[in-house]
Amino acid sequence: MRTLKDAQDEFAKEVRADEDLIWDRGWIETDDWWIVLYNNREYYETQNPLFSLAGNGPFVVPKDGSACFTLQTNTSVESQIEERGQRVISRSR
């Protein structure tokens, strides 16, 4: 069973080393997934929406070791969780 740390490590393997991203501040746990939320460092430091990434779909890491995937950006994370029969257990604050 993958843990939150495993999920964050999986995400780190997928991103380019030259991207200054932060992915350890936002997450959602569902029954079967860890969802890693991320953005660039400048956005987190300033909270200025002008620095926020566009199109950065939440990264899903199934707890059972299945292949990772990305959620869509054109609809809410919550609705996609519900559509796929998942239930939010906990989330970062």
N, C-alpha and C. Protein backbone atom coordinates (compact mmCIF):
# COMPACT_ATOMS: atom_id res chain seq x y z
N MET A 1 0.85 -1.18 0.00
CA MET A 1 0.00 0.00 0.00
C MET A 1 0.89 1.24 0.00
N ARG A 2 0.69 2.11 -0.97
CA ARG A 2 1.49 3.34 -1.05
C ARG A 2 1.05 4.33 0.03
N THR A 3 2.02 5.05 0.55
CA THR A 3 1.78 6.09 1.55
C THR A 3 1.81 7.46 0.87
N LEU A 4 1.52 8.51 1.63
CA LEU A 4 1.62 9.87 1.10
C LEU A 4 3.04 10.15 0.64
N LYS A 5 4.02 9.74 1.40
CA LYS A 5 5.43 9.95 1.02
C LYS A 5 5.73 9.24 -0.30
N ASP A 6 5.24 8.02 -0.46
CA ASP A 6 5.41 7.30 -1.73
C ASP A 6 4.79 8.08 -2.88
N ALA A 7 3.60 8.63 -2.66
CA ALA A 7 2.91 9.40 -3.69
C ALA A 7 3.72 10.63 -4.09
N GLN A 8 4.26 11.32 -3.10
CA GLN A 8 5.07 12.51 -3.39
C GLN A 8 6.35 12.12 -4.13
N ASP A 9 6.94 10.99 -3.77
CA ASP A 9 8.13 10.51 -4.47
C ASP A 9 7.81 10.14 -5.92
N GLU A 10 6.66 9.51 -6.15
CA GLU A 10 6.24 9.17 -7.51
C GLU A 10 6.09 10.44 -8.35
N PHE A 11 5.49 11.47 -7.77
CA PHE A 11 5.33 12.73 -8.49
C PHE A 11 6.71 13.31 -8.83
N ALA A 12 7.62 13.28 -7.87
CA ALA A 12 8.96 13.84 -8.08
C ALA A 12 9.68 13.15 -9.24
N LYS A 13 9.43 11.88 -9.45
CA LYS A 13 10.04 11.15 -10.56
C LYS A 13 9.50 11.61 -11.91
N GLU A 14 8.28 12.13 -11.91
CA GLU A 14 7.61 12.51 -13.15
C GLU A 14 7.94 13.92 -13.64
N VAL A 15 8.40 14.80 -12.75
CA VAL A 15 8.62 16.19 -13.15
C VAL A 15 10.06 16.40 -13.61
N ARG A 16 10.23 17.41 -14.42
CA ARG A 16 11.58 17.75 -14.88
C ARG A 16 12.35 18.40 -13.75
N ALA A 17 13.62 18.11 -13.68
CA ALA A 17 14.47 18.63 -12.61
C ALA A 17 14.57 20.16 -12.65
N ASP A 18 14.42 20.76 -13.83
CA ASP A 18 14.58 22.21 -13.93
C ASP A 18 13.30 22.97 -13.57
N GLU A 19 12.23 22.27 -13.27
CA GLU A 19 10.99 22.94 -12.86
C GLU A 19 11.02 23.18 -11.36
N ASP A 20 10.80 24.41 -10.96
CA ASP A 20 10.84 24.76 -9.54
C ASP A 20 9.44 24.60 -8.94
N LEU A 21 9.05 23.35 -8.73
CA LEU A 21 7.71 23.05 -8.25
C LEU A 21 7.73 22.64 -6.78
N ILE A 22 6.62 22.89 -6.13
CA ILE A 22 6.43 22.45 -4.74
C ILE A 22 5.24 21.51 -4.74
N TRP A 23 5.43 20.32 -4.21
CA TRP A 23 4.37 19.31 -4.21
C TRP A 23 4.15 18.66 -2.86
N ASP A 24 4.72 19.23 -1.81
CA ASP A 24 4.56 18.61 -0.49
C ASP A 24 3.63 19.41 0.43
N ARG A 25 2.93 20.39 -0.11
CA ARG A 25 2.04 21.22 0.73
C ARG A 25 0.57 20.92 0.52
N GLY A 26 0.22 20.30 -0.57
CA GLY A 26 -1.19 20.04 -0.86
C GLY A 26 -1.43 18.60 -1.27
N TRP A 27 -2.40 17.98 -0.64
CA TRP A 27 -2.75 16.60 -0.98
C TRP A 27 -4.17 16.30 -0.53
N ILE A 28 -4.73 15.27 -1.16
CA ILE A 28 -6.04 14.75 -0.79
C ILE A 28 -5.91 13.24 -0.71
N GLU A 29 -6.47 12.66 0.33
CA GLU A 29 -6.50 11.20 0.44
C GLU A 29 -7.93 10.73 0.20
N THR A 30 -8.11 9.75 -0.68
CA THR A 30 -9.41 9.12 -0.89
C THR A 30 -9.28 7.66 -0.45
N ASP A 31 -10.36 6.91 -0.62
CA ASP A 31 -10.32 5.50 -0.24
C ASP A 31 -9.15 4.77 -0.90
N ASP A 32 -8.93 5.02 -2.19
CA ASP A 32 -7.95 4.25 -2.95
C ASP A 32 -6.79 5.05 -3.53
N TRP A 33 -6.78 6.36 -3.36
CA TRP A 33 -5.78 7.22 -4.00
C TRP A 33 -5.13 8.18 -3.02
N TRP A 34 -3.95 8.63 -3.43
CA TRP A 34 -3.35 9.86 -2.92
C TRP A 34 -3.37 10.82 -4.10
N ILE A 35 -3.83 12.03 -3.89
CA ILE A 35 -3.83 13.05 -4.94
C ILE A 35 -2.86 14.14 -4.52
N VAL A 36 -1.83 14.33 -5.34
CA VAL A 36 -0.79 15.31 -5.06
C VAL A 36 -1.14 16.60 -5.80
N LEU A 37 -1.27 17.68 -5.04
CA LEU A 37 -1.53 19.00 -5.60
C LEU A 37 -0.21 19.76 -5.64
N TYR A 38 0.01 20.50 -6.69
CA TYR A 38 1.31 21.17 -6.83
C TYR A 38 1.15 22.50 -7.55
N ASN A 39 2.18 23.32 -7.39
CA ASN A 39 2.26 24.59 -8.09
C ASN A 39 3.72 25.01 -8.07
N ASN A 40 4.03 26.12 -8.70
CA ASN A 40 5.43 26.54 -8.69
C ASN A 40 5.75 27.31 -7.41
N ARG A 41 7.03 27.37 -7.13
CA ARG A 41 7.50 27.98 -5.88
C ARG A 41 7.08 29.44 -5.77
N GLU A 42 7.18 30.19 -6.87
CA GLU A 42 6.85 31.62 -6.83
C GLU A 42 5.40 31.85 -6.41
N TYR A 43 4.50 30.99 -6.89
CA TYR A 43 3.10 31.12 -6.48
C TYR A 43 2.95 30.87 -4.98
N TYR A 44 3.54 29.79 -4.48
CA TYR A 44 3.42 29.49 -3.05
C TYR A 44 4.00 30.59 -2.17
N GLU A 45 5.10 31.19 -2.63
CA GLU A 45 5.75 32.23 -1.82
C GLU A 45 4.98 33.55 -1.85
N THR A 46 4.32 33.86 -2.96
CA THR A 46 3.64 35.15 -3.08
C THR A 46 2.11 35.06 -2.99
N GLN A 47 1.57 33.89 -3.27
CA GLN A 47 0.11 33.69 -3.37
C GLN A 47 -0.51 34.57 -4.45
N ASN A 48 0.32 35.05 -5.37
CA ASN A 48 -0.15 35.87 -6.48
C ASN A 48 -0.63 34.95 -7.60
N PRO A 49 -1.92 35.01 -7.97
CA PRO A 49 -2.43 34.12 -9.00
C PRO A 49 -1.76 34.29 -10.36
N LEU A 50 -1.12 35.41 -10.59
CA LEU A 50 -0.40 35.60 -11.85
C LEU A 50 0.76 34.62 -11.99
N PHE A 51 1.26 34.10 -10.88
CA PHE A 51 2.38 33.17 -10.91
C PHE A 51 1.94 31.71 -10.86
N SER A 52 0.65 31.48 -10.76
CA SER A 52 0.14 30.11 -10.68
C SER A 52 0.27 29.40 -12.02
N LEU A 53 0.56 28.12 -11.98
CA LEU A 53 0.63 27.33 -13.20
C LEU A 53 -0.76 27.18 -13.80
N ALA A 54 -0.81 27.08 -15.09
CA ALA A 54 -2.08 26.80 -15.78
C ALA A 54 -2.02 25.37 -16.30
N GLY A 55 -3.11 24.64 -16.13
CA GLY A 55 -3.16 23.29 -16.66
C GLY A 55 -2.43 22.24 -15.85
N ASN A 56 -2.16 22.54 -14.60
CA ASN A 56 -1.45 21.56 -13.77
C ASN A 56 -2.46 20.65 -13.06
N GLY A 57 -2.88 19.62 -13.77
CA GLY A 57 -3.86 18.69 -13.23
C GLY A 57 -3.32 17.95 -12.02
N PRO A 58 -4.15 17.74 -11.02
CA PRO A 58 -3.72 17.00 -9.84
C PRO A 58 -3.21 15.61 -10.23
N PHE A 59 -2.13 15.19 -9.60
CA PHE A 59 -1.45 13.94 -9.89
C PHE A 59 -1.98 12.85 -8.96
N VAL A 60 -2.53 11.78 -9.52
CA VAL A 60 -3.14 10.72 -8.73
C VAL A 60 -2.22 9.52 -8.65
N VAL A 61 -1.99 9.06 -7.41
CA VAL A 61 -1.17 7.88 -7.16
C VAL A 61 -2.06 6.84 -6.47
N PRO A 62 -2.48 5.79 -7.19
CA PRO A 62 -3.30 4.76 -6.56
C PRO A 62 -2.53 4.06 -5.44
N LYS A 63 -3.20 3.83 -4.34
CA LYS A 63 -2.56 3.21 -3.18
C LYS A 63 -2.16 1.77 -3.45
N ASP A 64 -2.84 1.11 -4.39
CA ASP A 64 -2.56 -0.31 -4.65
C ASP A 64 -1.37 -0.54 -5.58
N GLY A 65 -0.70 0.52 -6.01
CA GLY A 65 0.46 0.38 -6.88
C GLY A 65 0.14 0.46 -8.36
N SER A 66 -1.12 0.67 -8.71
CA SER A 66 -1.49 0.82 -10.13
C SER A 66 -0.81 2.05 -10.72
N ALA A 67 -0.90 2.17 -12.04
CA ALA A 67 -0.28 3.29 -12.74
C ALA A 67 -0.86 4.64 -12.29
N CYS A 68 0.02 5.61 -12.19
CA CYS A 68 -0.38 6.97 -11.81
C CYS A 68 -1.06 7.64 -13.01
N PHE A 69 -1.87 8.64 -12.72
CA PHE A 69 -2.53 9.40 -13.78
C PHE A 69 -2.82 10.80 -13.28
N THR A 70 -3.24 11.67 -14.19
CA THR A 70 -3.53 13.06 -13.87
C THR A 70 -5.02 13.33 -14.05
N LEU A 71 -5.60 14.07 -13.12
CA LEU A 71 -6.99 14.48 -13.26
C LEU A 71 -7.09 15.63 -14.25
N GLN A 72 -8.27 15.85 -14.77
CA GLN A 72 -8.51 16.93 -15.71
C GLN A 72 -8.48 18.28 -14.99
N THR A 73 -8.25 19.32 -15.77
CA THR A 73 -8.24 20.66 -15.19
C THR A 73 -9.50 21.45 -15.53
N ASN A 74 -10.37 20.88 -16.34
CA ASN A 74 -11.56 21.62 -16.77
C ASN A 74 -12.79 21.35 -15.90
N THR A 75 -12.63 20.59 -14.84
CA THR A 75 -13.72 20.33 -13.90
C THR A 75 -13.12 20.17 -12.50
N SER A 76 -13.92 20.30 -11.50
CA SER A 76 -13.39 20.31 -10.14
C SER A 76 -12.84 18.94 -9.73
N VAL A 77 -11.85 18.97 -8.88
CA VAL A 77 -11.27 17.75 -8.33
C VAL A 77 -12.35 16.96 -7.60
N GLU A 78 -13.15 17.66 -6.82
CA GLU A 78 -14.20 17.01 -6.03
C GLU A 78 -15.18 16.24 -6.91
N SER A 79 -15.60 16.85 -8.02
CA SER A 79 -16.55 16.15 -8.89
C SER A 79 -15.91 14.93 -9.55
N GLN A 80 -14.63 15.03 -9.90
CA GLN A 80 -13.94 13.89 -10.49
C GLN A 80 -13.76 12.75 -9.48
N ILE A 81 -13.51 13.11 -8.24
CA ILE A 81 -13.40 12.10 -7.18
C ILE A 81 -14.73 11.37 -7.05
N GLU A 82 -15.81 12.13 -7.00
CA GLU A 82 -17.15 11.55 -6.84
C GLU A 82 -17.53 10.68 -8.05
N GLU A 83 -17.25 11.18 -9.26
CA GLU A 83 -17.58 10.44 -10.48
C GLU A 83 -16.88 9.09 -10.53
N ARG A 84 -15.72 9.00 -9.93
CA ARG A 84 -14.96 7.75 -9.97
C ARG A 84 -15.19 6.89 -8.73
N GLY A 85 -16.22 7.23 -7.98
CA GLY A 85 -16.61 6.40 -6.85
C GLY A 85 -15.69 6.47 -5.65
N GLN A 86 -14.92 7.55 -5.55
CA GLN A 86 -14.01 7.72 -4.42
C GLN A 86 -14.66 8.60 -3.37
N ARG A 87 -14.13 8.51 -2.17
CA ARG A 87 -14.61 9.32 -1.04
C ARG A 87 -13.39 9.96 -0.39
N VAL A 88 -13.45 11.27 -0.16
CA VAL A 88 -12.34 11.96 0.50
C VAL A 88 -12.28 11.53 1.96
N ILE A 89 -11.09 11.10 2.38
CA ILE A 89 -10.86 10.70 3.76
C ILE A 89 -10.22 11.85 4.54
N SER A 90 -9.21 12.48 3.91
CA SER A 90 -8.54 13.61 4.55
C SER A 90 -7.89 14.46 3.48
N ARG A 91 -7.47 15.65 3.90
CA ARG A 91 -6.79 16.57 2.97
C ARG A 91 -5.90 17.51 3.76
N SER A 92 -4.92 18.06 3.05
CA SER A 92 -4.06 19.06 3.69
C SER A 92 -4.86 20.32 3.93
N ARG A 93 -4.39 21.16 4.81
CA ARG A 93 -5.11 22.39 5.13
C ARG A 93 -4.43 23.59 4.55
